[in-house]
PDB file of all heavy atoms in Angstrom:
ATOM      1  N   ALA A   1      75.926 -73.376 177.437  1.00  0.00           N
ATOM      2  CA  ALA A   1      74.922 -72.427 177.926  1.00  0.00           C
ATOM      3  C   ALA A   1      73.958 -73.089 178.911  1.00  0.00           C
ATOM      4  O   ALA A   1      73.403 -72.415 179.790  1.00  0.00           O
ATOM      5  CB  ALA A   1      74.150 -71.833 176.748  1.00  0.00           C
ATOM      6  N   LYS A   2      73.778 -74.396 178.781  1.00  0.00           N
ATOM      7  CA  LYS A   2      72.875 -75.112 179.691  1.00  0.00           C
ATOM      8  C   LYS A   2      73.405 -75.112 181.122  1.00  0.00           C
ATOM      9  O   LYS A   2      72.645 -75.342 182.070  1.00  0.00           O
ATOM     10  CB  LYS A   2      72.686 -76.547 179.212  1.00  0.00           C
ATOM     11  CG  LYS A   2      71.969 -76.652 177.870  1.00  0.00           C
ATOM     12  CD  LYS A   2      71.926 -78.090 177.378  1.00  0.00           C
ATOM     13  CE  LYS A   2      71.284 -78.178 175.995  1.00  0.00           C
ATOM     14  NZ  LYS A   2      71.286 -79.578 175.470  1.00  0.00           N
ATOM     15  N   LYS A   3      74.686 -74.850 181.274  1.00  0.00           N
ATOM     16  CA  LYS A   3      75.281 -74.814 182.614  1.00  0.00           C
ATOM     17  C   LYS A   3      75.216 -73.425 183.253  1.00  0.00           C
ATOM     18  O   LYS A   3      75.597 -73.245 184.404  1.00  0.00           O
ATOM     19  CB  LYS A   3      76.746 -75.273 182.551  1.00  0.00           C
ATOM     20  CG  LYS A   3      76.922 -76.734 182.153  1.00  0.00           C
ATOM     21  CD  LYS A   3      78.381 -77.127 182.126  1.00  0.00           C
ATOM     22  CE  LYS A   3      78.540 -78.611 181.794  1.00  0.00           C
ATOM     23  NZ  LYS A   3      78.107 -79.470 182.936  1.00  0.00           N
ATOM     24  N   ILE A   4      74.736 -72.445 182.491  1.00  0.00           N
ATOM     25  CA  ILE A   4      74.658 -71.073 182.997  1.00  0.00           C
ATOM     26  C   ILE A   4      73.278 -70.821 183.597  1.00  0.00           C
ATOM     27  O   ILE A   4      72.258 -70.935 182.924  1.00  0.00           O
ATOM     28  CB  ILE A   4      74.933 -70.057 181.869  1.00  0.00           C
ATOM     29  CG1 ILE A   4      76.315 -70.299 181.265  1.00  0.00           C
ATOM     30  CG2 ILE A   4      74.806 -68.637 182.408  1.00  0.00           C
ATOM     31  CD1 ILE A   4      77.463 -70.176 182.251  1.00  0.00           C
ATOM     32  N   ARG A   5      73.266 -70.488 184.870  1.00  0.00           N
ATOM     33  CA  ARG A   5      72.016 -70.199 185.570  1.00  0.00           C
ATOM     34  C   ARG A   5      71.763 -68.702 185.718  1.00  0.00           C
ATOM     35  O   ARG A   5      70.613 -68.274 185.810  1.00  0.00           O
ATOM     36  CB  ARG A   5      72.032 -70.836 186.971  1.00  0.00           C
ATOM     37  CG  ARG A   5      72.223 -72.335 186.958  1.00  0.00           C
ATOM     38  CD  ARG A   5      72.067 -72.935 188.345  1.00  0.00           C
ATOM     39  NE  ARG A   5      72.961 -72.323 189.327  1.00  0.00           N
ATOM     40  CZ  ARG A   5      74.234 -72.663 189.494  1.00  0.00           C
ATOM     41  NH1 ARG A   5      74.786 -73.599 188.719  1.00  0.00           N
ATOM     42  NH2 ARG A   5      74.973 -72.079 190.418  1.00  0.00           N
ATOM     43  N   HIS A   6      72.827 -67.923 185.771  1.00  0.00           N
ATOM     44  CA  HIS A   6      72.685 -66.498 186.074  1.00  0.00           C
ATOM     45  C   HIS A   6      73.478 -65.644 185.087  1.00  0.00           C
ATOM     46  O   HIS A   6      74.718 -65.614 185.138  1.00  0.00           O
ATOM     47  CB  HIS A   6      73.164 -66.199 187.499  1.00  0.00           C
ATOM     48  CG  HIS A   6      72.601 -67.115 188.537  1.00  0.00           C
ATOM     49  ND1 HIS A   6      71.256 -67.302 188.718  1.00  0.00           N
ATOM     50  CD2 HIS A   6      73.224 -67.907 189.462  1.00  0.00           C
ATOM     51  CE1 HIS A   6      71.060 -68.159 189.701  1.00  0.00           C
ATOM     52  NE2 HIS A   6      72.238 -68.542 190.171  1.00  0.00           N
ATOM     53  N   ALA A   7      72.777 -64.944 184.217  1.00  0.00           N
ATOM     54  CA  ALA A   7      73.405 -63.987 183.301  1.00  0.00           C
ATOM     55  C   ALA A   7      72.299 -63.154 182.671  1.00  0.00           C
ATOM     56  O   ALA A   7      71.201 -63.667 182.416  1.00  0.00           O
ATOM     57  CB  ALA A   7      74.215 -64.699 182.223  1.00  0.00           C
ATOM     58  N   GLY A   8      72.593 -61.886 182.430  1.00  0.00           N
ATOM     59  CA  GLY A   8      71.587 -61.045 181.795  1.00  0.00           C
ATOM     60  C   GLY A   8      71.333 -61.472 180.365  1.00  0.00           C
ATOM     61  O   GLY A   8      70.191 -61.662 179.949  1.00  0.00           O
ATOM     62  N   ALA A   9      72.393 -61.640 179.592  1.00  0.00           N
ATOM     63  CA  ALA A   9      72.299 -62.128 178.219  1.00  0.00           C
ATOM     64  C   ALA A   9      73.487 -63.030 177.952  1.00  0.00           C
ATOM     65  O   ALA A   9      74.601 -62.745 178.393  1.00  0.00           O
ATOM     66  CB  ALA A   9      72.269 -60.975 177.228  1.00  0.00           C
ATOM     67  N   ILE A  10      73.249 -64.116 177.212  1.00  0.00           N
ATOM     68  CA  ILE A  10      74.297 -65.084 176.896  1.00  0.00           C
ATOM     69  C   ILE A  10      74.562 -65.026 175.392  1.00  0.00           C
ATOM     70  O   ILE A  10      73.661 -65.271 174.582  1.00  0.00           O
ATOM     71  CB  ILE A  10      73.875 -66.512 177.308  1.00  0.00           C
ATOM     72  CG1 ILE A  10      73.513 -66.551 178.802  1.00  0.00           C
ATOM     73  CG2 ILE A  10      74.988 -67.500 177.005  1.00  0.00           C
ATOM     74  CD1 ILE A  10      72.889 -67.867 179.247  1.00  0.00           C
ATOM     75  N   PHE A  11      75.787 -64.708 175.031  1.00  0.00           N
ATOM     76  CA  PHE A  11      76.198 -64.587 173.638  1.00  0.00           C
ATOM     77  C   PHE A  11      76.985 -65.845 173.288  1.00  0.00           C
ATOM     78  O   PHE A  11      78.075 -66.064 173.822  1.00  0.00           O
ATOM     79  CB  PHE A  11      77.044 -63.330 173.439  1.00  0.00           C
ATOM     80  CG  PHE A  11      76.301 -62.066 173.796  1.00  0.00           C
ATOM     81  CD1 PHE A  11      76.171 -61.665 175.119  1.00  0.00           C
ATOM     82  CD2 PHE A  11      75.718 -61.284 172.807  1.00  0.00           C
ATOM     83  CE1 PHE A  11      75.474 -60.513 175.456  1.00  0.00           C
ATOM     84  CE2 PHE A  11      75.017 -60.129 173.135  1.00  0.00           C
ATOM     85  CZ  PHE A  11      74.899 -59.745 174.454  1.00  0.00           C
ATOM     86  N   MET A  12      76.446 -66.647 172.391  1.00  0.00           N
ATOM     87  CA  MET A  12      76.982 -67.982 172.160  1.00  0.00           C
ATOM     88  C   MET A  12      77.779 -68.055 170.865  1.00  0.00           C
ATOM     89  O   MET A  12      77.279 -67.729 169.791  1.00  0.00           O
ATOM     90  CB  MET A  12      75.840 -68.990 172.144  1.00  0.00           C
ATOM     91  CG  MET A  12      75.078 -69.060 173.459  1.00  0.00           C
ATOM     92  SD  MET A  12      73.771 -70.316 173.449  1.00  0.00           S
ATOM     93  CE  MET A  12      72.625 -69.590 172.281  1.00  0.00           C
ATOM     94  N   GLY A  13      79.023 -68.491 170.977  1.00  0.00           N
ATOM     95  CA  GLY A  13      79.849 -68.720 169.807  1.00  0.00           C
ATOM     96  C   GLY A  13      80.768 -67.561 169.481  1.00  0.00           C
ATOM     97  O   GLY A  13      80.514 -66.414 169.835  1.00  0.00           O
ATOM     98  N   ARG A  14      81.840 -67.864 168.754  1.00  0.00           N
ATOM     99  CA  ARG A  14      82.885 -66.870 168.524  1.00  0.00           C
ATOM    100  C   ARG A  14      82.453 -65.727 167.623  1.00  0.00           C
ATOM    101  O   ARG A  14      83.060 -64.661 167.634  1.00  0.00           O
ATOM    102  CB  ARG A  14      84.127 -67.562 167.971  1.00  0.00           C
ATOM    103  CG  ARG A  14      83.964 -68.179 166.604  1.00  0.00           C
ATOM    104  CD  ARG A  14      85.268 -68.799 166.123  1.00  0.00           C
ATOM    105  NE  ARG A  14      85.689 -69.902 166.991  1.00  0.00           N
ATOM    106  CZ  ARG A  14      85.347 -71.169 166.786  1.00  0.00           C
ATOM    107  NH1 ARG A  14      84.575 -71.483 165.753  1.00  0.00           N
ATOM    108  NH2 ARG A  14      85.766 -72.112 167.595  1.00  0.00           N
ATOM    109  N   TYR A  15      81.385 -65.922 166.832  1.00  0.00           N
ATOM    110  CA  TYR A  15      80.951 -64.855 165.932  1.00  0.00           C
ATOM    111  C   TYR A  15      79.932 -63.910 166.580  1.00  0.00           C
ATOM    112  O   TYR A  15      79.515 -62.940 165.963  1.00  0.00           O
ATOM    113  CB  TYR A  15      80.356 -65.450 164.654  1.00  0.00           C
ATOM    114  CG  TYR A  15      81.405 -66.070 163.764  1.00  0.00           C
ATOM    115  CD1 TYR A  15      81.599 -67.449 163.771  1.00  0.00           C
ATOM    116  CD2 TYR A  15      82.226 -65.283 162.962  1.00  0.00           C
ATOM    117  CE1 TYR A  15      82.581 -68.035 162.982  1.00  0.00           C
ATOM    118  CE2 TYR A  15      83.209 -65.857 162.165  1.00  0.00           C
ATOM    119  CZ  TYR A  15      83.379 -67.227 162.179  1.00  0.00           C
ATOM    120  OH  TYR A  15      84.350 -67.790 161.399  1.00  0.00           O
ATOM    121  N   THR A  16      79.546 -64.191 167.819  1.00  0.00           N
ATOM    122  CA  THR A  16      78.504 -63.411 168.483  1.00  0.00           C
ATOM    123  C   THR A  16      79.134 -62.384 169.408  1.00  0.00           C
ATOM    124  O   THR A  16      79.275 -62.606 170.614  1.00  0.00           O
ATOM    125  CB  THR A  16      77.559 -64.337 169.273  1.00  0.00           C
ATOM    126  OG1 THR A  16      77.198 -65.444 168.453  1.00  0.00           O
ATOM    127  CG2 THR A  16      76.296 -63.591 169.682  1.00  0.00           C
ATOM    128  N   SER A  17      79.523 -61.249 168.851  1.00  0.00           N
ATOM    129  CA  SER A  17      80.080 -60.194 169.697  1.00  0.00           C
ATOM    130  C   SER A  17      78.963 -59.547 170.513  1.00  0.00           C
ATOM    131  O   SER A  17      77.826 -59.415 170.044  1.00  0.00           O
ATOM    132  CB  SER A  17      80.785 -59.134 168.841  1.00  0.00           C
ATOM    133  OG  SER A  17      79.853 -58.402 168.080  1.00  0.00           O
ATOM    134  N   GLU A  18      79.298 -59.140 171.700  1.00  0.00           N
ATOM    135  CA  GLU A  18      78.305 -58.496 172.575  1.00  0.00           C
ATOM    136  C   GLU A  18      77.723 -57.254 171.943  1.00  0.00           C
ATOM    137  O   GLU A  18      76.555 -56.918 172.157  1.00  0.00           O
ATOM    138  CB  GLU A  18      78.970 -58.180 173.923  1.00  0.00           C
ATOM    139  CG  GLU A  18      78.048 -57.570 174.965  1.00  0.00           C
ATOM    140  CD  GLU A  18      77.859 -56.072 174.763  1.00  0.00           C
ATOM    141  OE1 GLU A  18      78.795 -55.439 174.245  1.00  0.00           O
ATOM    142  OE2 GLU A  18      76.781 -55.553 175.107  1.00  0.00           O
ATOM    143  N   SER A  19      78.502 -56.561 171.133  1.00  0.00           N
ATOM    144  CA  SER A  19      78.023 -55.313 170.536  1.00  0.00           C
ATOM    145  C   SER A  19      76.826 -55.534 169.611  1.00  0.00           C
ATOM    146  O   SER A  19      75.988 -54.639 169.436  1.00  0.00           O
ATOM    147  CB  SER A  19      79.148 -54.605 169.783  1.00  0.00           C
ATOM    148  OG  SER A  19      79.703 -55.451 168.800  1.00  0.00           O
ATOM    149  N   LEU A  20      76.700 -56.726 169.024  1.00  0.00           N
ATOM    150  CA  LEU A  20      75.528 -57.007 168.194  1.00  0.00           C
ATOM    151  C   LEU A  20      74.260 -56.989 169.041  1.00  0.00           C
ATOM    152  O   LEU A  20      73.203 -56.543 168.592  1.00  0.00           O
ATOM    153  CB  LEU A  20      75.678 -58.364 167.504  1.00  0.00           C
ATOM    154  CG  LEU A  20      76.885 -58.528 166.563  1.00  0.00           C
ATOM    155  CD1 LEU A  20      76.854 -59.898 165.902  1.00  0.00           C
ATOM    156  CD2 LEU A  20      76.914 -57.422 165.516  1.00  0.00           C
ATOM    157  N   GLY A  21      74.383 -57.468 170.262  1.00  0.00           N
ATOM    158  CA  GLY A  21      73.238 -57.420 171.171  1.00  0.00           C
ATOM    159  C   GLY A  21      72.892 -56.014 171.595  1.00  0.00           C
ATOM    160  O   GLY A  21      71.732 -55.692 171.861  1.00  0.00           O
ATOM    161  N   ASP A  22      73.901 -55.151 171.663  1.00  0.00           N
ATOM    162  CA  ASP A  22      73.648 -53.760 172.043  1.00  0.00           C
ATOM    163  C   ASP A  22      72.773 -53.046 171.032  1.00  0.00           C
ATOM    164  O   ASP A  22      72.022 -52.126 171.397  1.00  0.00           O
ATOM    165  CB  ASP A  22      74.977 -53.001 172.167  1.00  0.00           C
ATOM    166  CG  ASP A  22      75.648 -53.202 173.510  1.00  0.00           C
ATOM    167  OD1 ASP A  22      74.990 -53.721 174.430  1.00  0.00           O
ATOM    168  OD2 ASP A  22      76.831 -52.841 173.643  1.00  0.00           O
ATOM    169  N   TYR A  23      72.874 -53.431 169.767  1.00  0.00           N
ATOM    170  CA  TYR A  23      72.252 -52.639 168.721  1.00  0.00           C
ATOM    171  C   TYR A  23      71.147 -53.316 167.915  1.00  0.00           C
ATOM    172  O   TYR A  23      70.109 -52.703 167.678  1.00  0.00           O
ATOM    173  CB  TYR A  23      73.334 -52.152 167.742  1.00  0.00           C
ATOM    174  CG  TYR A  23      74.336 -51.243 168.383  1.00  0.00           C
ATOM    175  CD1 TYR A  23      75.633 -51.679 168.637  1.00  0.00           C
ATOM    176  CD2 TYR A  23      73.990 -49.948 168.772  1.00  0.00           C
ATOM    177  CE1 TYR A  23      76.560 -50.846 169.248  1.00  0.00           C
ATOM    178  CE2 TYR A  23      74.907 -49.116 169.382  1.00  0.00           C
ATOM    179  CZ  TYR A  23      76.192 -49.570 169.621  1.00  0.00           C
ATOM    180  OH  TYR A  23      77.102 -48.749 170.238  1.00  0.00           O
ATOM    181  N   CYS A  24      71.354 -54.537 167.495  1.00  0.00           N
ATOM    182  CA  CYS A  24      70.454 -55.003 166.447  1.00  0.00           C
ATOM    183  C   CYS A  24      70.129 -56.485 166.441  1.00  0.00           C
ATOM    184  O   CYS A  24      69.372 -56.929 165.569  1.00  0.00           O
ATOM    185  CB  CYS A  24      71.023 -54.615 165.082  1.00  0.00           C
ATOM    186  SG  CYS A  24      72.708 -55.258 164.785  1.00  0.00           S
ATOM    187  N   ALA A  25      70.675 -57.289 167.340  1.00  0.00           N
ATOM    188  CA  ALA A  25      70.388 -58.719 167.293  1.00  0.00           C
ATOM    189  C   ALA A  25      68.899 -58.977 167.498  1.00  0.00           C
ATOM    190  O   ALA A  25      68.294 -59.799 166.808  1.00  0.00           O
ATOM    191  CB  ALA A  25      71.214 -59.466 168.339  1.00  0.00           C
ATOM    192  N   GLY A  26      68.305 -58.272 168.463  1.00  0.00           N
ATOM    193  CA  GLY A  26      66.882 -58.455 168.748  1.00  0.00           C
ATOM    194  C   GLY A  26      66.548 -58.425 170.220  1.00  0.00           C
ATOM    195  O   GLY A  26      65.676 -57.662 170.650  1.00  0.00           O
ATOM    196  N   PRO A  27      67.205 -59.242 171.061  1.00  0.00           N
ATOM    197  CA  PRO A  27      66.956 -59.177 172.505  1.00  0.00           C
ATOM    198  C   PRO A  27      67.330 -57.815 173.089  1.00  0.00           C
ATOM    199  O   PRO A  27      68.099 -57.061 172.490  1.00  0.00           O
ATOM    200  CB  PRO A  27      67.871 -60.275 173.055  1.00  0.00           C
ATOM    201  CG  PRO A  27      68.000 -61.244 171.935  1.00  0.00           C
ATOM    202  CD  PRO A  27      68.046 -60.392 170.692  1.00  0.00           C
ATOM    203  N   ASN A  28      66.780 -57.524 174.260  1.00  0.00           N
ATOM    204  CA  ASN A  28      66.954 -56.198 174.836  1.00  0.00           C
ATOM    205  C   ASN A  28      68.342 -56.016 175.428  1.00  0.00           C
ATOM    206  O   ASN A  28      68.936 -56.954 175.974  1.00  0.00           O
ATOM    207  CB  ASN A  28      65.904 -55.950 175.923  1.00  0.00           C
ATOM    208  CG  ASN A  28      65.527 -54.485 176.000  1.00  0.00           C
ATOM    209  OD1 ASN A  28      66.274 -53.675 176.509  1.00  0.00           O
ATOM    210  ND2 ASN A  28      64.369 -54.162 175.455  1.00  0.00           N
TER     211      ASN A  28
END
């Protein structure tokens, strides 16, 4: 992730599905 400069949201690791961010992880 330290190599990523441009992304709206970064989901790290195999258990972090993007859909969790859509609903309830916490970030917008």
